[in-house]
Amino acid sequence: MNTRKWIGICGGLAIWWAGAHAQAPASLKVESLSSPAGANSSVPQMTVQGDRVVLSWVERQGTKSTLKFAERTASGWSAPMTVISSEHLMVNSADVPSVRAMPDGSFAAHWMQDNGPDPEAYDLRVAWSADGKSWSAAVAPNRDKTTSQHGFATLFPIADGGTGLIWLDGRATHGDEGDMQLRAAMFDKAHKALSDSLVDSRVCECCPTSVATTTDGPIAAYRDRSATDIRDINVIRLVAGKWSMPVQVHRDNFKIDACPINGPSIAANGNDVAVAWFTAPNEKQQSFVAFSRDGGKTFGKAIKVEDEGTLGRMQVAFAPDGAAIVGWVEFANEKSTFKVRRIDAAGTRGPSAAVAELSGTRFPRLAVAKNEAALAWTESEKDSSRVKTARIPLR
C-alpha cells in the first residue's frame, strides 16, 4: 500500500477513535453545606478575592435588619460577624448589600439605607474593617444630595490598595422622567474619597451590576438602555484610572419599556472573561454566556445556557480548567429551579444539575475558589425565610 495513503488512513482512524471515546463533560455533583445564616435571613451575596470566599446576608428581627457575613473555610463557614444593625437598612431581593475581602486581608462592605418615605429613594454606604469585627464610620460614595435611588452597587479592589464602587444613580431622575446613570467612585487605601464620576448617562433602571478583575484591571458589566429602549449588555474596563468606551457583549436587540430586573454576571481569569446574561427579544426569554480572550475588548458567540426555559438571574465563575460554571433560574412546568452547568469557550455544555427549587424573586449566588463552587440561595420557611448553602467539588 502507498505509504502516504496508509498514514492518512491511520490518522483518520485516530481522529475517529478520539472522537468516539472522548470523555463527556462530567456532571456537577451538588453537596449540602450547613449555612451560617440564621432565621429570617435573606438576600445572600458572595464575593471572591483570591482563594477567599465571603458570604453575606441580612437577618431581620422586628423592625431591625442586620448585615452579617462569614468566610468559607476548610471545615465549613466561619462564625458569623456583624457589619451593621439598623432600622433603616433597605432590604430588597434584587438590590443586595455585600461584604468582600480585600487584597491586603481587610474587608470592605456596602449597604443601602432609607433616605425618606419614598421606597424608590435610598442611599449607599461603604465601610471598611481590618478584622471584620470593628468597622469604620460609613461614608457615602455619591456626592449628590438628591432624594433618589442609589443602589445595585458592586465593590472591587483597585491599584495601590484602594477600593472602587459602581452603582446605579438616580440623581438625574424626577419621578418617571430623566435617565438612570451608571456612576463610579474611588477610595484610596486610607479610605479617602477620590471621585464620584459619571460612567454611562443612560442605563437600565434596576438591573444589578457586576465587576471582575482581569490582568489589565477591573471590568464591569451592566445593562445599557439606548434612546429607543434597547437594553443589551455592555462592559467597560478601567484602564489607567479611566473607564473605556462601552463594548456590547452581544447584539440581542432586547427592547422593553420597563426594567427586567435581571443584570449580568461577569468573571475573569487572567485576560479570559466570561459574561452571563438574560435577554428576551420579542418576549422570548433566553439566557446566554459569552467568552472573551482579550480582557473584554471583544466577545465570541452567545452560548445558550438553559434547558427548557429561564428566568435568568445569572451567575458565572471560572472553573480551574478554564471552563465557566454558570448558574441560572430555570423555569419549566410552572416551576422555578436554581440550576448550574459547566460550559467551555468552545460551546460544549455539560449536563445541568439542580441545586434547589425557588419561589418568588429569589436571586441565587455562585462563587468558585479552592477547587469548589460555593452556592447560596434563599428558601421560604413557613412565615419566614432562610439563606441556604451548598458546594460542588471541581477537579
Protein backbone atom coordinates (compact mmCIF):
# COMPACT_ATOMS: atom_id res chain seq x y z
CA MET A 1 0.00 0.00 0.00
CA ASN A 2 1.15 3.54 -0.69
CA THR A 3 2.87 4.82 2.48
CA ARG A 4 1.27 8.28 2.29
CA LYS A 5 -2.18 6.72 1.84
CA TRP A 6 -1.58 4.40 4.83
CA ILE A 7 -0.57 7.31 7.05
CA GLY A 8 -3.73 9.13 6.03
CA ILE A 9 -5.90 6.12 6.91
CA CYS A 10 -4.20 5.75 10.29
CA GLY A 11 -4.64 9.44 11.02
CA GLY A 12 -8.32 9.23 10.18
CA LEU A 13 -8.76 6.19 12.44
CA ALA A 14 -7.00 8.02 15.28
CA ILE A 15 -9.32 11.01 14.93
CA TRP A 16 -12.36 8.72 14.81
CA TRP A 17 -11.14 6.83 17.92
CA ALA A 18 -10.56 10.03 19.86
CA GLY A 19 -13.97 11.39 18.93
CA ALA A 20 -15.79 8.14 19.64
CA HIS A 21 -14.12 7.65 23.01
CA ALA A 22 -13.75 11.27 24.19
CA GLN A 23 -14.87 11.66 27.76
CA ALA A 24 -18.12 13.60 28.08
CA PRO A 25 -18.12 16.56 30.48
CA ALA A 26 -18.59 15.28 34.00
CA SER A 27 -21.80 16.01 35.84
CA LEU A 28 -21.63 18.59 38.62
CA LYS A 29 -22.35 16.97 41.96
CA VAL A 30 -24.14 19.26 44.40
CA GLU A 31 -23.33 18.55 48.06
CA SER A 32 -25.11 20.01 51.08
CA LEU A 33 -23.26 22.58 53.16
CA SER A 34 -24.51 23.85 56.51
CA SER A 35 -25.41 27.53 56.25
CA PRO A 36 -24.18 30.11 58.77
CA ALA A 37 -27.32 32.23 58.30
CA GLY A 38 -29.97 32.30 60.99
CA ALA A 39 -33.75 32.58 60.97
CA ASN A 40 -35.42 35.32 58.94
CA SER A 41 -32.36 35.60 56.70
CA SER A 42 -32.39 36.60 53.04
CA VAL A 43 -30.57 38.47 50.23
CA PRO A 44 -27.36 36.39 50.07
CA GLN A 45 -24.32 37.67 48.20
CA MET A 46 -20.94 36.03 47.60
CA THR A 47 -17.64 37.66 46.71
CA VAL A 48 -14.21 36.21 45.91
CA GLN A 49 -10.71 37.56 46.47
CA GLY A 50 -8.03 35.04 45.53
CA ASP A 51 -8.94 31.88 47.46
CA ARG A 52 -11.21 33.70 49.90
CA VAL A 53 -14.99 33.39 49.50
CA VAL A 54 -17.19 35.64 51.64
CA LEU A 55 -20.92 35.07 52.04
CA SER A 56 -23.08 37.94 53.28
CA TRP A 57 -26.78 38.15 54.10
CA VAL A 58 -29.33 40.14 56.11
CA GLU A 59 -31.26 38.86 59.14
CA ARG A 60 -34.39 40.65 60.22
CA GLN A 61 -35.83 40.78 63.74
CA GLY A 62 -38.78 43.05 64.32
CA THR A 63 -38.05 46.40 62.69
CA LYS A 64 -34.28 45.93 62.78
CA SER A 65 -32.16 44.42 59.99
CA THR A 66 -28.60 43.16 60.48
CA LEU A 67 -25.97 42.71 57.77
CA LYS A 68 -23.85 39.64 58.59
CA PHE A 69 -21.12 37.69 56.83
CA ALA A 70 -19.00 34.54 57.10
CA GLU A 71 -15.93 33.24 55.27
CA ARG A 72 -15.56 29.80 53.68
CA THR A 73 -13.05 27.61 55.50
CA ALA A 74 -11.83 24.03 55.11
CA SER A 75 -14.32 22.92 57.78
CA GLY A 76 -17.33 24.95 56.66
CA TRP A 77 -18.33 28.59 57.13
CA SER A 78 -16.70 30.69 59.82
CA ALA A 79 -18.72 32.07 62.71
CA PRO A 80 -20.94 34.93 61.50
CA MET A 81 -19.82 38.51 62.13
CA THR A 82 -21.88 41.69 62.01
CA VAL A 83 -21.27 44.78 59.90
CA ILE A 84 -24.25 46.92 60.88
CA SER A 85 -27.64 46.57 62.56
CA SER A 86 -30.25 49.26 61.92
CA GLU A 87 -33.91 50.01 61.44
CA HIS A 88 -33.00 51.97 58.31
CA LEU A 89 -31.38 49.24 56.20
CA MET A 90 -33.10 48.88 52.85
CA VAL A 91 -33.76 45.18 52.13
CA ASN A 92 -34.60 44.21 48.55
CA SER A 93 -34.21 40.79 46.92
CA ALA A 94 -32.59 42.23 43.77
CA ASP A 95 -30.53 45.09 45.21
CA VAL A 96 -28.41 43.46 47.90
CA PRO A 97 -25.54 44.53 50.18
CA SER A 98 -22.13 42.87 50.05
CA VAL A 99 -19.01 42.17 52.08
CA ARG A 100 -15.73 41.36 50.37
CA ALA A 101 -12.19 40.52 51.37
CA MET A 102 -9.59 42.93 50.02
CA PRO A 103 -6.12 42.00 48.73
CA ASP A 104 -4.43 43.21 51.94
CA GLY A 105 -6.58 40.92 54.11
CA SER A 106 -9.03 43.59 55.29
CA PHE A 107 -12.75 43.77 54.49
CA ALA A 108 -14.99 46.28 52.70
CA ALA A 109 -18.79 46.36 52.85
CA HIS A 110 -21.60 48.26 51.22
CA TRP A 111 -25.30 48.53 52.01
CA MET A 112 -28.33 50.70 51.31
CA GLN A 113 -30.34 52.77 53.75
CA ASP A 114 -33.59 54.71 53.54
CA ASN A 115 -33.39 58.44 52.87
CA GLY A 116 -37.06 59.32 53.04
CA PRO A 117 -40.61 57.98 52.71
CA ASP A 118 -40.21 57.13 49.00
CA PRO A 119 -39.34 53.38 48.75
CA GLU A 120 -37.58 54.08 45.44
CA ALA A 121 -35.21 56.55 47.13
CA TYR A 122 -32.28 55.34 49.20
CA ASP A 123 -28.59 55.98 49.78
CA LEU A 124 -25.43 53.89 49.56
CA ARG A 125 -22.98 53.47 52.41
CA VAL A 126 -19.46 51.96 52.40
CA ALA A 127 -17.32 50.92 55.38
CA TRP A 128 -14.05 49.06 56.00
CA SER A 129 -12.66 46.76 58.68
CA ALA A 130 -9.19 45.38 59.37
CA ASP A 131 -10.51 42.30 61.18
CA GLY A 132 -14.23 42.03 60.34
CA LYS A 133 -15.16 42.85 63.93
CA SER A 134 -14.86 46.63 64.22
CA TRP A 135 -15.88 48.81 61.28
CA SER A 136 -15.07 52.33 60.19
CA ALA A 137 -17.69 55.06 60.08
CA ALA A 138 -19.81 54.58 56.98
CA VAL A 139 -19.39 57.03 54.09
CA ALA A 140 -21.48 57.82 51.03
CA PRO A 141 -19.75 57.16 47.69
CA ASN A 142 -22.05 59.61 45.90
CA ARG A 143 -21.61 63.35 46.38
CA ASP A 144 -25.11 64.47 45.38
CA LYS A 145 -27.72 65.24 47.98
CA THR A 146 -30.75 64.20 45.96
CA THR A 147 -33.56 62.08 47.37
CA SER A 148 -33.29 59.42 44.68
CA GLN A 149 -32.14 55.87 44.07
CA HIS A 150 -28.50 54.96 44.72
CA GLY A 151 -28.13 51.20 44.56
CA PHE A 152 -27.33 48.00 42.64
CA ALA A 153 -23.70 48.54 43.59
CA THR A 154 -20.59 46.38 43.23
CA LEU A 155 -17.39 46.78 45.26
CA PHE A 156 -13.98 45.89 43.78
CA PRO A 157 -10.29 46.43 44.63
CA ILE A 158 -8.22 48.93 42.63
CA ALA A 159 -4.50 49.54 42.30
CA ASP A 160 -2.44 50.87 45.23
CA GLY A 161 -4.71 49.24 47.82
CA GLY A 162 -7.79 51.33 47.10
CA THR A 163 -11.45 50.45 46.70
CA GLY A 164 -13.76 51.01 43.75
CA LEU A 165 -17.55 51.00 43.54
CA ILE A 166 -20.00 51.23 40.66
CA TRP A 167 -23.73 51.77 41.13
CA LEU A 168 -26.96 52.92 39.51
CA ASP A 169 -27.65 56.56 40.34
CA GLY A 170 -30.97 58.37 40.02
CA ARG A 171 -29.83 61.95 40.67
CA ALA A 172 -30.95 62.96 37.14
CA THR A 173 -34.39 61.37 37.51
CA HIS A 174 -37.58 63.11 38.62
CA GLY A 175 -40.47 60.71 39.05
CA ASP A 176 -40.79 58.87 35.75
CA GLU A 177 -38.68 61.45 33.92
CA GLY A 178 -34.93 61.58 33.41
CA ASP A 179 -32.30 58.87 32.97
CA MET A 180 -30.71 56.46 35.38
CA GLN A 181 -26.91 56.80 35.35
CA LEU A 182 -24.06 54.39 35.94
CA ARG A 183 -21.52 56.06 38.22
CA ALA A 184 -18.26 55.04 39.88
CA ALA A 185 -16.40 56.13 43.00
CA MET A 186 -12.80 55.51 44.01
CA PHE A 187 -11.27 55.48 47.50
CA ASP A 188 -7.57 55.40 48.32
CA LYS A 189 -6.04 52.89 50.75
CA ALA A 190 -6.76 55.28 53.63
CA HIS A 191 -10.45 55.18 52.56
CA LYS A 192 -10.44 58.79 51.43
CA ALA A 193 -12.93 59.50 48.63
CA LEU A 194 -11.17 60.36 45.38
CA SER A 195 -14.00 60.65 42.89
CA ASP A 196 -17.69 60.34 42.03
CA SER A 197 -17.72 60.12 38.25
CA LEU A 198 -20.26 59.52 35.50
CA VAL A 199 -19.61 56.33 33.53
CA ASP A 200 -22.75 55.98 31.37
CA SER A 201 -25.50 58.62 31.24
CA ARG A 202 -28.41 56.27 30.38
CA VAL A 203 -28.69 52.72 31.70
CA CYS A 204 -31.38 50.26 32.73
CA GLU A 205 -33.03 51.41 35.95
CA CYS A 206 -32.78 48.39 38.24
CA CYS A 207 -30.58 45.64 36.83
CA PRO A 208 -27.72 44.61 39.14
CA THR A 209 -24.13 45.37 38.12
CA SER A 210 -21.12 43.04 38.23
CA VAL A 211 -17.33 43.53 38.29
CA ALA A 212 -14.37 41.20 37.78
CA THR A 213 -10.62 41.83 37.71
CA THR A 214 -8.54 40.90 34.67
CA THR A 215 -4.77 41.01 34.28
CA ASP A 216 -5.22 44.55 32.97
CA GLY A 217 -7.57 45.71 35.73
CA PRO A 218 -11.29 45.84 36.63
CA ILE A 219 -14.01 45.17 34.07
CA ALA A 220 -17.67 45.93 34.78
CA ALA A 221 -20.83 44.55 33.18
CA TYR A 222 -24.24 46.24 33.22
CA ARG A 223 -27.47 46.51 31.24
CA ASP A 224 -27.49 49.52 28.97
CA ARG A 225 -30.54 51.45 27.79
CA SER A 226 -30.48 53.09 24.38
CA ALA A 227 -32.58 56.04 23.25
CA THR A 228 -35.01 53.51 21.72
CA ASP A 229 -35.14 51.31 24.86
CA ILE A 230 -32.83 48.57 23.61
CA ARG A 231 -31.48 47.00 26.81
CA ASP A 232 -28.50 44.84 25.89
CA ILE A 233 -25.40 44.10 27.99
CA ASN A 234 -22.29 46.29 27.93
CA VAL A 235 -18.87 46.00 29.54
CA ILE A 236 -16.43 48.78 30.41
CA ARG A 237 -12.79 48.50 31.50
CA LEU A 238 -10.88 50.63 34.00
CA VAL A 239 -7.58 51.44 32.26
CA ALA A 240 -5.01 53.79 33.82
CA GLY A 241 -7.71 55.28 36.05
CA LYS A 242 -10.14 55.95 33.17
CA TRP A 243 -13.20 54.00 32.10
CA SER A 244 -13.14 52.81 28.49
CA MET A 245 -15.93 53.25 25.99
CA PRO A 246 -18.66 50.59 26.41
CA VAL A 247 -18.40 47.34 24.44
CA GLN A 248 -21.59 45.42 23.69
CA VAL A 249 -21.28 41.75 24.63
CA HIS A 250 -23.87 40.59 22.08
CA ARG A 251 -26.47 42.31 19.92
CA ASP A 252 -29.70 40.86 21.32
CA ASN A 253 -31.92 43.79 20.36
CA PHE A 254 -33.88 43.33 23.60
CA LYS A 255 -36.45 46.13 23.54
CA ILE A 256 -38.68 46.67 26.55
CA ASP A 257 -40.25 49.78 28.08
CA ALA A 258 -39.59 48.60 31.66
CA CYS A 259 -36.65 47.25 33.59
CA PRO A 260 -36.43 43.41 33.59
CA ILE A 261 -34.58 43.44 36.97
CA ASN A 262 -32.09 40.95 35.54
CA GLY A 263 -28.48 42.07 35.49
CA PRO A 264 -25.43 40.31 34.02
CA SER A 265 -22.71 38.42 35.86
CA ILE A 266 -19.03 38.66 34.90
CA ALA A 267 -15.96 36.59 35.78
CA ALA A 268 -12.29 36.84 34.83
CA ASN A 269 -9.28 34.55 34.87
CA GLY A 270 -6.22 36.46 33.68
CA ASN A 271 -7.45 38.04 30.46
CA ASP A 272 -10.11 35.40 29.89
CA VAL A 273 -13.54 36.89 30.61
CA ALA A 274 -16.99 35.29 30.76
CA VAL A 275 -20.28 37.19 30.86
CA ALA A 276 -23.64 35.50 31.57
CA TRP A 277 -26.90 37.34 30.96
CA PHE A 278 -30.66 37.16 30.45
CA THR A 279 -32.46 38.58 27.45
CA ALA A 280 -35.97 38.43 25.98
CA PRO A 281 -36.20 39.89 22.46
CA ASN A 282 -39.73 39.50 21.08
CA GLU A 283 -40.73 38.23 24.55
CA LYS A 284 -38.64 35.06 24.11
CA GLN A 285 -36.80 34.56 27.39
CA GLN A 286 -33.24 33.28 26.96
CA SER A 287 -30.01 33.00 28.93
CA PHE A 288 -26.53 33.09 27.42
CA VAL A 289 -22.84 33.09 28.24
CA ALA A 290 -20.08 34.52 26.04
CA PHE A 291 -16.30 34.44 26.35
CA SER A 292 -13.55 36.94 25.64
CA ARG A 293 -9.86 36.07 25.28
CA ASP A 294 -8.59 39.67 25.20
CA GLY A 295 -9.73 41.06 28.52
CA GLY A 296 -13.20 42.06 27.36
CA LYS A 297 -12.30 44.02 24.23
CA THR A 298 -14.16 41.54 22.03
CA PHE A 299 -16.51 38.62 22.70
CA GLY A 300 -17.26 35.34 20.95
CA LYS A 301 -20.59 33.74 20.17
CA ALA A 302 -23.50 33.68 22.59
CA ILE A 303 -23.90 30.17 24.03
CA LYS A 304 -27.31 29.07 25.29
CA VAL A 305 -27.42 28.21 28.99
CA GLU A 306 -30.88 26.94 29.97
CA ASP A 307 -32.50 23.56 29.30
CA GLU A 308 -36.14 24.46 28.56
CA GLY A 309 -37.00 27.90 29.92
CA THR A 310 -35.35 30.58 32.01
CA LEU A 311 -35.99 33.43 34.42
CA GLY A 312 -32.34 34.49 34.17
CA ARG A 313 -30.80 35.83 37.43
CA MET A 314 -27.44 34.74 36.11
CA GLN A 315 -24.23 33.80 37.89
CA VAL A 316 -20.88 32.85 36.34
CA ALA A 317 -17.41 31.91 37.60
CA PHE A 318 -14.34 30.27 36.08
CA ALA A 319 -13.55 26.66 36.98
CA PRO A 320 -9.89 25.66 37.49
CA ASP A 321 -9.77 24.14 33.98
CA GLY A 322 -10.82 27.40 32.31
CA ALA A 323 -14.44 26.45 31.63
CA ALA A 324 -17.28 28.50 33.09
CA ILE A 325 -19.61 27.35 35.84
CA VAL A 326 -22.90 29.07 35.06
CA GLY A 327 -25.91 29.37 37.36
CA TRP A 328 -29.43 30.44 36.42
CA VAL A 329 -33.07 30.05 37.41
CA GLU A 330 -34.70 27.50 35.13
CA PHE A 331 -38.44 27.85 34.58
CA ALA A 332 -40.30 24.83 33.26
CA ASN A 333 -43.63 23.16 34.04
CA GLU A 334 -44.65 26.17 36.17
CA LYS A 335 -41.69 25.57 38.49
CA SER A 336 -38.51 27.59 39.03
CA THR A 337 -35.25 25.81 39.90
CA PHE A 338 -31.75 27.05 40.63
CA LYS A 339 -29.52 25.13 38.19
CA VAL A 340 -25.84 25.07 37.30
CA ARG A 341 -23.79 23.64 34.45
CA ARG A 342 -20.28 23.68 33.04
CA ILE A 343 -19.76 25.39 29.65
CA ASP A 344 -16.42 25.79 27.92
CA ALA A 345 -15.40 28.51 25.46
CA ALA A 346 -15.97 26.16 22.51
CA GLY A 347 -19.63 25.97 23.49
CA THR A 348 -19.55 22.45 24.94
CA ARG A 349 -22.25 22.21 27.59
CA GLY A 350 -22.05 19.74 30.42
CA PRO A 351 -25.23 18.29 31.93
CA SER A 352 -27.18 20.62 34.18
CA ALA A 353 -27.52 19.98 37.90
CA ALA A 354 -30.44 21.15 40.04
CA VAL A 355 -29.45 22.91 43.25
CA ALA A 356 -32.78 23.94 44.77
CA GLU A 357 -36.35 24.85 43.97
CA LEU A 358 -37.02 28.57 44.29
CA SER A 359 -40.06 30.77 44.83
CA GLY A 360 -40.79 34.45 44.42
CA THR A 361 -37.98 36.72 43.26
CA ARG A 362 -35.10 34.81 44.80
CA PHE A 363 -31.64 35.58 43.44
CA PRO A 364 -29.17 32.69 43.87
CA ARG A 365 -25.38 33.15 44.13
CA LEU A 366 -22.31 31.25 42.94
CA ALA A 367 -18.58 31.64 43.60
CA VAL A 368 -15.53 29.49 42.78
CA ALA A 369 -12.31 29.14 44.79
CA LYS A 370 -10.13 26.33 46.14
CA ASN A 371 -11.40 23.80 43.57
CA GLU A 372 -15.05 24.12 44.56
CA ALA A 373 -18.11 26.13 43.64
CA ALA A 374 -19.95 27.59 46.63
CA LEU A 375 -23.69 28.18 46.18
CA ALA A 376 -26.22 30.24 48.12
CA TRP A 377 -29.92 30.95 47.80
CA THR A 378 -32.99 31.88 49.88
CA GLU A 379 -35.68 29.37 50.81
CA SER A 380 -39.08 30.13 52.29
CA GLU A 381 -39.80 28.60 55.69
CA LYS A 382 -43.44 28.94 56.72
CA ASP A 383 -43.78 32.66 57.51
CA SER A 384 -40.05 33.44 57.21
CA SER A 385 -37.03 32.66 55.04
CA ARG A 386 -33.51 31.33 55.45
CA VAL A 387 -30.33 31.51 53.38
CA LYS A 388 -29.13 28.02 52.41
CA THR A 389 -25.74 26.96 51.00
CA ALA A 390 -24.21 24.05 49.09
CA ARG A 391 -20.96 23.19 47.33
CA ILE A 392 -19.78 21.48 44.15
CA PRO A 393 -16.31 19.86 44.11
CA LEU A 394 -14.37 20.84 40.98
CA ARG A 395 -11.43 18.80 39.70
